[in-house]
Structure formats: C-alpha cells, structure tokens
Amino acid sequence: MDSEVTCVDFWCNEFGMRVRIALRELGVPFEYIEEDLRVRERSELVRRMNPVHRSIPILIHHGLPVCGSANIIEYIDEVWGEETRLLPGDPADRADARFWADFIDHKVFSTQTKFFTSKGEEKEAAKEELVEHLKRLEEVLGDKCFFSGDEFGFLDVVFIPFSSMFYGYEQHGGIDLEAECPNLTRWEKRCRERESVCEVLPDGKVQYELHKKFYGIE
C-alpha cells in the first residue's frame, strides 16, 4: 500500500459503497483494494486491520485502520470536509441523521436479508415490513431534493447503495417502488446523476444476480 488513503472493500458491498462514494464526494484520492466476499477466508490484511470483526469496508489512513461504514463516513467528513460537509452543521440534525442511518443498518438491511432468504408466509411478512421501512424513509425525505435538504449529504451516502437492490425488490417480490415510494424513486435518480454515485453503484440486474447466488435463490 503506497497510498496515504486506502479503501478495502468488495465492489457489490452496500456498506462499502458508502465509503467510496464519500471519498469521491469530498475529492479524496485513494487506493482501492478488492476483498472478495465470495471467498470464505478473509485476507491477512483484513485480519490485521480489523481483527475484531474481520469485516469490510476498512479505511486505512496513514497506516491506521478505521472500521464500520457509518463511522468511516464520519471520519472522512471530519478529516477532509473543509469545504463540503456531509453531516449537518446543527447538532440536532446530526443526531437525527445518525438515528436514521442506524435504522437503515439495523432495520432495512436485516429485513432485506429476510425478504431474500425466506419463503412462504415469512417472506410475505418480510416483504410487508420492508415496504413499511421504505415508506418511513419516504416520509423522512418528504419533497426535499436530498435527505438533508438541497445538498447531498450523510444520509444520502448511507442509503443510496441500497438502491442498487431496488431492481431485486421488484424482481423477487413484485415491489413496485415507483407506486409505493415515488419520492424515493425520484431521489434515487437524482443521486445517480452525481459522479460520485454513478461511478460506484453497480447495475441493478448485476447486483440482483450476484445476491441470488449469495442467498441461494433459485
């Protein structure tokens, strides 16, 4: 690793996409090291840099690791956010953004996993719960351009990688997001117009096919 900043990640990892989007958004040059999650054993680099969880993404800055995707985004914002800040300036708004980031990590992601891996009644229940979570985020967004208002920010960075699974929601369970969450679908298109986002987010069909293999979906 010759770079001052290194990101260790896997291209389709929604949590890692956040880090790469944040780095690009703030114009931070970085080296990218691919950690293939399809391989069961984690690399020596990951085991050394994140010995507790042995997970990615990992940001390595001057040889020191920063772990946890939301934590990494905050670190990027604090270190390089001189002209552009991702987190809101107001403490109450920052706390609110962190609350919804936690909601995405612990509600949306876990329900998404249940939706893709379960069958029958359990799958239908997970589908209803997932739509409910998305509608809640739709309410948070409202008619704003981005979650924090007119400027692309922290919560947008946190959630936009999950839009790479919107195609999978429709194909796997018939979720019509344009009908259920019209503001979110417009927000997704708006975000994808940003260079930092379009350079990172994979095609929805490719993402779904890969996750079908991950989840063992026929």
C-alpha atoms as a PDB file:
ATOM      1  CA  MET A   1       0.000   0.000   0.000  1.00  0.00           C
ATOM      2  CA  ASP A   2       1.752   3.115  -1.257  1.00  0.00           C
ATOM      3  CA  SER A   3      -1.233   5.450  -0.937  1.00  0.00           C
ATOM      4  CA  GLU A   4      -1.953   7.731   2.019  1.00  0.00           C
ATOM      5  CA  VAL A   5      -5.574   6.560   1.898  1.00  0.00           C
ATOM      6  CA  THR A   6      -6.677   3.011   1.127  1.00  0.00           C
ATOM      7  CA  CYS A   7     -10.164   1.539   0.972  1.00  0.00           C
ATOM      8  CA  VAL A   8     -10.534  -2.223   1.389  1.00  0.00           C
ATOM      9  CA  ASP A   9     -13.887  -3.380   0.060  1.00  0.00           C
ATOM     10  CA  PHE A  10     -15.818  -5.651  -2.325  1.00  0.00           C
ATOM     11  CA  TRP A  11     -17.412  -3.972  -5.338  1.00  0.00           C
ATOM     12  CA  CYS A  12     -21.003  -5.019  -4.582  1.00  0.00           C
ATOM     13  CA  ASN A  13     -20.903  -4.417  -0.818  1.00  0.00           C
ATOM     14  CA  GLU A  14     -23.574  -1.851   0.000  1.00  0.00           C
ATOM     15  CA  PHE A  15     -21.799  -0.786   3.177  1.00  0.00           C
ATOM     16  CA  GLY A  16     -18.521  -0.286   1.370  1.00  0.00           C
ATOM     17  CA  MET A  17     -20.120   1.653  -1.474  1.00  0.00           C
ATOM     18  CA  ARG A  18     -20.870   4.324   1.117  1.00  0.00           C
ATOM     19  CA  VAL A  19     -17.199   4.813   1.855  1.00  0.00           C
ATOM     20  CA  ARG A  20     -16.191   5.019  -1.798  1.00  0.00           C
ATOM     21  CA  ILE A  21     -18.993   7.499  -2.526  1.00  0.00           C
ATOM     22  CA  ALA A  22     -17.994   9.669   0.452  1.00  0.00           C
ATOM     23  CA  LEU A  23     -14.343   9.700  -0.608  1.00  0.00           C
ATOM     24  CA  ARG A  24     -15.267  10.680  -4.157  1.00  0.00           C
ATOM     25  CA  GLU A  25     -17.768  13.261  -2.968  1.00  0.00           C
ATOM     26  CA  LEU A  26     -15.074  15.055  -0.971  1.00  0.00           C
ATOM     27  CA  GLY A  27     -12.436  14.577  -3.659  1.00  0.00           C
ATOM     28  CA  VAL A  28     -10.135  12.344  -1.612  1.00  0.00           C
ATOM     29  CA  PRO A  29      -7.678  10.306  -3.742  1.00  0.00           C
ATOM     30  CA  PHE A  30      -7.474   6.703  -2.557  1.00  0.00           C
ATOM     31  CA  GLU A  31      -6.136   3.282  -3.412  1.00  0.00           C
ATOM     32  CA  TYR A  32      -8.754   0.561  -3.735  1.00  0.00           C
ATOM     33  CA  ILE A  33      -8.036  -2.998  -2.623  1.00  0.00           C
ATOM     34  CA  GLU A  34     -10.629  -5.637  -3.502  1.00  0.00           C
ATOM     35  CA  GLU A  35     -11.579  -8.172  -0.824  1.00  0.00           C
ATOM     36  CA  ASP A  36     -13.666 -10.875  -2.474  1.00  0.00           C
ATOM     37  CA  LEU A  37     -16.502 -11.781  -0.101  1.00  0.00           C
ATOM     38  CA  ARG A  38     -17.210 -14.916  -2.117  1.00  0.00           C
ATOM     39  CA  VAL A  39     -14.037 -16.369  -0.593  1.00  0.00           C
ATOM     40  CA  ARG A  40     -14.737 -17.737   2.872  1.00  0.00           C
ATOM     41  CA  GLU A  41     -11.381 -16.881   4.473  1.00  0.00           C
ATOM     42  CA  ARG A  42     -10.582 -13.211   4.984  1.00  0.00           C
ATOM     43  CA  SER A  43      -7.244 -11.901   3.755  1.00  0.00           C
ATOM     44  CA  GLU A  44      -4.267 -11.269   6.017  1.00  0.00           C
ATOM     45  CA  LEU A  45      -4.776  -7.525   5.517  1.00  0.00           C
ATOM     46  CA  VAL A  46      -8.377  -7.642   6.768  1.00  0.00           C
ATOM     47  CA  ARG A  47      -7.483  -9.880   9.705  1.00  0.00           C
ATOM     48  CA  ARG A  48      -4.707  -7.484  10.667  1.00  0.00           C
ATOM     49  CA  MET A  49      -6.607  -4.248  10.158  1.00  0.00           C
ATOM     50  CA  ASN A  50      -9.940  -5.396  11.616  1.00  0.00           C
ATOM     51  CA  PRO A  51      -9.129  -8.269  13.977  1.00  0.00           C
ATOM     52  CA  VAL A  52     -12.358  -7.866  15.985  1.00  0.00           C
ATOM     53  CA  HIS A  53     -14.954  -8.278  13.211  1.00  0.00           C
ATOM     54  CA  ARG A  54     -12.769  -9.288  10.248  1.00  0.00           C
ATOM     55  CA  SER A  55     -15.182  -7.399   8.029  1.00  0.00           C
ATOM     56  CA  ILE A  56     -15.096  -4.727   5.351  1.00  0.00           C
ATOM     57  CA  PRO A  57     -15.128  -1.886   4.479  1.00  0.00           C
ATOM     58  CA  ILE A  58     -11.908  -0.700   6.068  1.00  0.00           C
ATOM     59  CA  LEU A  59     -10.405   2.723   5.538  1.00  0.00           C
ATOM     60  CA  ILE A  60      -6.646   2.843   6.090  1.00  0.00           C
ATOM     61  CA  HIS A  61      -5.259   6.338   6.630  1.00  0.00           C
ATOM     62  CA  HIS A  62      -1.515   6.745   7.210  1.00  0.00           C
ATOM     63  CA  GLY A  63      -1.400   3.024   8.025  1.00  0.00           C
ATOM     64  CA  LEU A  64      -4.108   3.217  10.711  1.00  0.00           C
ATOM     65  CA  PRO A  65      -7.473   1.462  10.190  1.00  0.00           C
ATOM     66  CA  VAL A  66     -10.921   2.969  10.584  1.00  0.00           C
ATOM     67  CA  CYS A  67     -13.747   0.406  10.621  1.00  0.00           C
ATOM     68  CA  GLY A  68     -17.534   0.452  10.451  1.00  0.00           C
ATOM     69  CA  SER A  69     -19.079   2.094   7.388  1.00  0.00           C
ATOM     70  CA  ALA A  70     -21.039   4.902   9.120  1.00  0.00           C
ATOM     71  CA  ASN A  71     -18.089   5.524  11.414  1.00  0.00           C
ATOM     72  CA  ILE A  72     -15.795   5.764   8.384  1.00  0.00           C
ATOM     73  CA  ILE A  73     -18.072   8.313   6.687  1.00  0.00           C
ATOM     74  CA  GLU A  74     -17.961  10.492   9.792  1.00  0.00           C
ATOM     75  CA  TYR A  75     -14.177  10.169   9.868  1.00  0.00           C
ATOM     76  CA  ILE A  76     -13.932  11.185   6.200  1.00  0.00           C
ATOM     77  CA  ASP A  77     -16.194  14.154   6.884  1.00  0.00           C
ATOM     78  CA  GLU A  78     -14.123  15.291   9.884  1.00  0.00           C
ATOM     79  CA  VAL A  79     -10.745  14.897   8.169  1.00  0.00           C
ATOM     80  CA  TRP A  80     -11.499  16.128   4.642  1.00  0.00           C
ATOM     81  CA  GLY A  81     -14.779  18.061   4.940  1.00  0.00           C
ATOM     82  CA  GLU A  82     -13.233  21.520   4.857  1.00  0.00           C
ATOM     83  CA  GLU A  83     -15.297  22.992   2.034  1.00  0.00           C
ATOM     84  CA  THR A  84     -18.077  20.403   1.740  1.00  0.00           C
ATOM     85  CA  ARG A  85     -19.561  18.713   4.791  1.00  0.00           C
ATOM     86  CA  LEU A  86     -21.601  15.524   4.662  1.00  0.00           C
ATOM     87  CA  LEU A  87     -23.045  15.713   8.167  1.00  0.00           C
ATOM     88  CA  PRO A  88     -25.366  18.625   9.005  1.00  0.00           C
ATOM     89  CA  GLY A  89     -23.938  21.541  10.970  1.00  0.00           C
ATOM     90  CA  ASP A  90     -26.709  21.594  13.587  1.00  0.00           C
ATOM     91  CA  PRO A  91     -26.214  19.069  16.451  1.00  0.00           C
ATOM     92  CA  ALA A  92     -29.909  18.078  16.437  1.00  0.00           C
ATOM     93  CA  ASP A  93     -29.827  17.482  12.677  1.00  0.00           C
ATOM     94  CA  ARG A  94     -26.625  15.424  13.045  1.00  0.00           C
ATOM     95  CA  ALA A  95     -28.249  13.282  15.734  1.00  0.00           C
ATOM     96  CA  ASP A  96     -31.307  12.792  13.509  1.00  0.00           C
ATOM     97  CA  ALA A  97     -29.144  11.737  10.550  1.00  0.00           C
ATOM     98  CA  ARG A  98     -27.293   9.219  12.746  1.00  0.00           C
ATOM     99  CA  PHE A  99     -30.611   7.847  14.042  1.00  0.00           C
ATOM    100  CA  TRP A 100     -31.876   7.130  10.522  1.00  0.00           C
ATOM    101  CA  ALA A 101     -28.522   5.694   9.478  1.00  0.00           C
ATOM    102  CA  ASP A 102     -28.866   3.235  12.361  1.00  0.00           C
ATOM    103  CA  PHE A 103     -32.436   2.493  11.219  1.00  0.00           C
ATOM    104  CA  ILE A 104     -31.148   1.623   7.743  1.00  0.00           C
ATOM    105  CA  ASP A 105     -28.392  -0.602   9.118  1.00  0.00           C
ATOM    106  CA  HIS A 106     -30.499  -2.464  11.673  1.00  0.00           C
ATOM    107  CA  LYS A 107     -33.988  -2.402  10.173  1.00  0.00           C
ATOM    108  CA  VAL A 108     -33.791  -2.066   6.399  1.00  0.00           C
ATOM    109  CA  PHE A 109     -30.769  -4.317   5.884  1.00  0.00           C
ATOM    110  CA  SER A 110     -31.942  -7.107   8.206  1.00  0.00           C
ATOM    111  CA  THR A 111     -35.441  -7.071   6.682  1.00  0.00           C
ATOM    112  CA  GLN A 112     -33.985  -7.042   3.163  1.00  0.00           C
ATOM    113  CA  THR A 113     -31.999 -10.164   4.056  1.00  0.00           C
ATOM    114  CA  LYS A 114     -35.125 -11.904   5.429  1.00  0.00           C
ATOM    115  CA  PHE A 115     -37.045 -10.911   2.315  1.00  0.00           C
ATOM    116  CA  PHE A 116     -34.495 -12.561   0.024  1.00  0.00           C
ATOM    117  CA  THR A 117     -33.825 -15.664   2.119  1.00  0.00           C
ATOM    118  CA  SER A 118     -37.245 -16.670   3.480  1.00  0.00           C
ATOM    119  CA  LYS A 119     -40.182 -18.411   1.829  1.00  0.00           C
ATOM    120  CA  GLY A 120     -43.949 -18.554   2.067  1.00  0.00           C
ATOM    121  CA  GLU A 121     -45.659 -16.569   4.819  1.00  0.00           C
ATOM    122  CA  GLU A 122     -42.355 -15.488   6.327  1.00  0.00           C
ATOM    123  CA  LYS A 123     -41.304 -13.996   3.018  1.00  0.00           C
ATOM    124  CA  GLU A 124     -44.619 -12.138   2.624  1.00  0.00           C
ATOM    125  CA  ALA A 125     -44.264 -10.751   6.146  1.00  0.00           C
ATOM    126  CA  ALA A 126     -40.702  -9.615   5.392  1.00  0.00           C
ATOM    127  CA  LYS A 127     -41.907  -8.001   2.156  1.00  0.00           C
ATOM    128  CA  GLU A 128     -44.581  -6.009   4.027  1.00  0.00           C
ATOM    129  CA  GLU A 129     -42.073  -4.994   6.673  1.00  0.00           C
ATOM    130  CA  LEU A 130     -39.521  -3.899   4.057  1.00  0.00           C
ATOM    131  CA  VAL A 131     -42.095  -1.750   2.255  1.00  0.00           C
ATOM    132  CA  GLU A 132     -43.100  -0.246   5.599  1.00  0.00           C
ATOM    133  CA  HIS A 133     -39.461   0.686   6.319  1.00  0.00           C
ATOM    134  CA  LEU A 134     -39.064   2.225   2.876  1.00  0.00           C
ATOM    135  CA  LYS A 135     -42.258   4.233   3.312  1.00  0.00           C
ATOM    136  CA  ARG A 136     -40.931   5.531   6.613  1.00  0.00           C
ATOM    137  CA  LEU A 137     -37.794   6.748   4.838  1.00  0.00           C
ATOM    138  CA  GLU A 138     -40.047   8.216   2.157  1.00  0.00           C
ATOM    139  CA  GLU A 139     -41.679  10.301   4.909  1.00  0.00           C
ATOM    140  CA  VAL A 140     -38.295  11.422   6.224  1.00  0.00           C
ATOM    141  CA  LEU A 141     -37.267  12.505   2.728  1.00  0.00           C
ATOM    142  CA  GLY A 142     -40.566  14.259   2.021  1.00  0.00           C
ATOM    143  CA  ASP A 143     -40.426  16.535  -1.003  1.00  0.00           C
ATOM    144  CA  LYS A 144     -36.803  17.564  -0.420  1.00  0.00           C
ATOM    145  CA  CYS A 145     -34.138  17.002  -3.084  1.00  0.00           C
ATOM    146  CA  PHE A 146     -31.955  15.113  -0.585  1.00  0.00           C
ATOM    147  CA  PHE A 147     -32.437  13.924   2.978  1.00  0.00           C
ATOM    148  CA  SER A 148     -30.707  16.988   4.413  1.00  0.00           C
ATOM    149  CA  GLY A 149     -32.393  19.435   2.042  1.00  0.00           C
ATOM    150  CA  ASP A 150     -30.884  20.876  -1.124  1.00  0.00           C
ATOM    151  CA  GLU A 151     -27.425  19.372  -0.589  1.00  0.00           C
ATOM    152  CA  PHE A 152     -26.346  15.737  -0.950  1.00  0.00           C
ATOM    153  CA  GLY A 153     -25.203  14.600   2.494  1.00  0.00           C
ATOM    154  CA  PHE A 154     -24.549  11.906   5.087  1.00  0.00           C
ATOM    155  CA  LEU A 155     -27.888  10.081   4.992  1.00  0.00           C
ATOM    156  CA  ASP A 156     -27.920  10.086   1.201  1.00  0.00           C
ATOM    157  CA  VAL A 157     -24.461   8.480   1.224  1.00  0.00           C
ATOM    158  CA  VAL A 158     -25.665   5.903   3.767  1.00  0.00           C
ATOM    159  CA  PHE A 159     -28.830   4.878   1.917  1.00  0.00           C
ATOM    160  CA  ILE A 160     -28.130   5.279  -1.810  1.00  0.00           C
ATOM    161  CA  PRO A 161     -26.142   1.991  -2.064  1.00  0.00           C
ATOM    162  CA  PHE A 162     -29.321   0.134  -1.089  1.00  0.00           C
ATOM    163  CA  SER A 163     -30.969   1.475  -4.241  1.00  0.00           C
ATOM    164  CA  SER A 164     -28.802  -0.989  -6.158  1.00  0.00           C
ATOM    165  CA  MET A 165     -31.191  -3.633  -4.758  1.00  0.00           C
ATOM    166  CA  PHE A 166     -34.412  -1.857  -5.821  1.00  0.00           C
ATOM    167  CA  TYR A 167     -34.449  -3.867  -9.043  1.00  0.00           C
ATOM    168  CA  GLY A 168     -34.134  -7.019  -6.954  1.00  0.00           C
ATOM    169  CA  TYR A 169     -37.070  -5.962  -4.761  1.00  0.00           C
ATOM    170  CA  GLU A 170     -39.268  -5.780  -7.850  1.00  0.00           C
ATOM    171  CA  GLN A 171     -37.994  -8.964  -9.482  1.00  0.00           C
ATOM    172  CA  HIS A 172     -38.010 -11.066  -6.330  1.00  0.00           C
ATOM    173  CA  GLY A 173     -41.213  -9.896  -4.705  1.00  0.00           C
ATOM    174  CA  GLY A 174     -43.061  -7.633  -7.099  1.00  0.00           C
ATOM    175  CA  ILE A 175     -42.481  -4.487  -5.038  1.00  0.00           C
ATOM    176  CA  ASP A 176     -43.455  -1.515  -7.201  1.00  0.00           C
ATOM    177  CA  LEU A 177     -41.325   1.194  -5.629  1.00  0.00           C
ATOM    178  CA  GLU A 178     -42.465   3.852  -8.076  1.00  0.00           C
ATOM    179  CA  ALA A 179     -46.008   3.364  -6.803  1.00  0.00           C
ATOM    180  CA  GLU A 180     -45.138   2.733  -3.148  1.00  0.00           C
ATOM    181  CA  CYS A 181     -42.410   5.367  -2.722  1.00  0.00           C
ATOM    182  CA  PRO A 182     -42.456   7.894  -5.583  1.00  0.00           C
ATOM    183  CA  ASN A 183     -40.274  10.406  -3.724  1.00  0.00           C
ATOM    184  CA  LEU A 184     -37.606   7.772  -3.083  1.00  0.00           C
ATOM    185  CA  THR A 185     -37.517   6.733  -6.737  1.00  0.00           C
ATOM    186  CA  ARG A 186     -37.077  10.365  -7.815  1.00  0.00           C
ATOM    187  CA  TRP A 187     -34.388  10.790  -5.144  1.00  0.00           C
ATOM    188  CA  GLU A 188     -32.574   7.703  -6.448  1.00  0.00           C
ATOM    189  CA  LYS A 189     -32.487   9.092  -9.996  1.00  0.00           C
ATOM    190  CA  ARG A 190     -31.264  12.438  -8.649  1.00  0.00           C
ATOM    191  CA  CYS A 191     -28.468  10.775  -6.696  1.00  0.00           C
ATOM    192  CA  ARG A 192     -27.400   8.636  -9.657  1.00  0.00           C
ATOM    193  CA  GLU A 193     -26.765  11.802 -11.636  1.00  0.00           C
ATOM    194  CA  ARG A 194     -23.881  12.570  -9.287  1.00  0.00           C
ATOM    195  CA  GLU A 195     -20.477  11.435 -10.494  1.00  0.00           C
ATOM    196  CA  SER A 196     -19.544  10.133  -7.041  1.00  0.00           C
ATOM    197  CA  VAL A 197     -22.587   7.835  -7.064  1.00  0.00           C
ATOM    198  CA  CYS A 198     -22.732   6.653 -10.676  1.00  0.00           C
ATOM    199  CA  GLU A 199     -19.060   5.642 -10.571  1.00  0.00           C
ATOM    200  CA  VAL A 200     -19.705   3.349  -7.600  1.00  0.00           C
ATOM    201  CA  LEU A 201     -23.218   1.887  -7.828  1.00  0.00           C
ATOM    202  CA  PRO A 202     -23.462  -1.341  -9.849  1.00  0.00           C
ATOM    203  CA  ASP A 203     -26.201  -2.122 -12.321  1.00  0.00           C
ATOM    204  CA  GLY A 204     -29.306  -3.383 -10.537  1.00  0.00           C
ATOM    205  CA  LYS A 205     -29.586  -6.537 -12.651  1.00  0.00           C
ATOM    206  CA  VAL A 206     -25.953  -7.464 -11.993  1.00  0.00           C
ATOM    207  CA  GLN A 207     -26.386  -6.776  -8.278  1.00  0.00           C
ATOM    208  CA  TYR A 208     -29.509  -8.917  -8.057  1.00  0.00           C
ATOM    209  CA  GLU A 209     -27.959 -11.849  -9.921  1.00  0.00           C
ATOM    210  CA  LEU A 210     -24.950 -11.815  -7.603  1.00  0.00           C
ATOM    211  CA  HIS A 211     -27.132 -11.641  -4.488  1.00  0.00           C
ATOM    212  CA  LYS A 212     -29.235 -14.521  -5.782  1.00  0.00           C
ATOM    213  CA  LYS A 213     -26.058 -16.600  -5.637  1.00  0.00           C
ATOM    214  CA  PHE A 214     -25.186 -15.220  -2.179  1.00  0.00           C
ATOM    215  CA  TYR A 215     -28.644 -16.024  -0.826  1.00  0.00           C
ATOM    216  CA  GLY A 216     -29.097 -19.291  -2.718  1.00  0.00           C
ATOM    217  CA  ILE A 217     -32.185 -18.054  -4.597  1.00  0.00           C
ATOM    218  CA  GLU A 218     -33.361 -20.252  -7.455  1.00  0.00           C
END
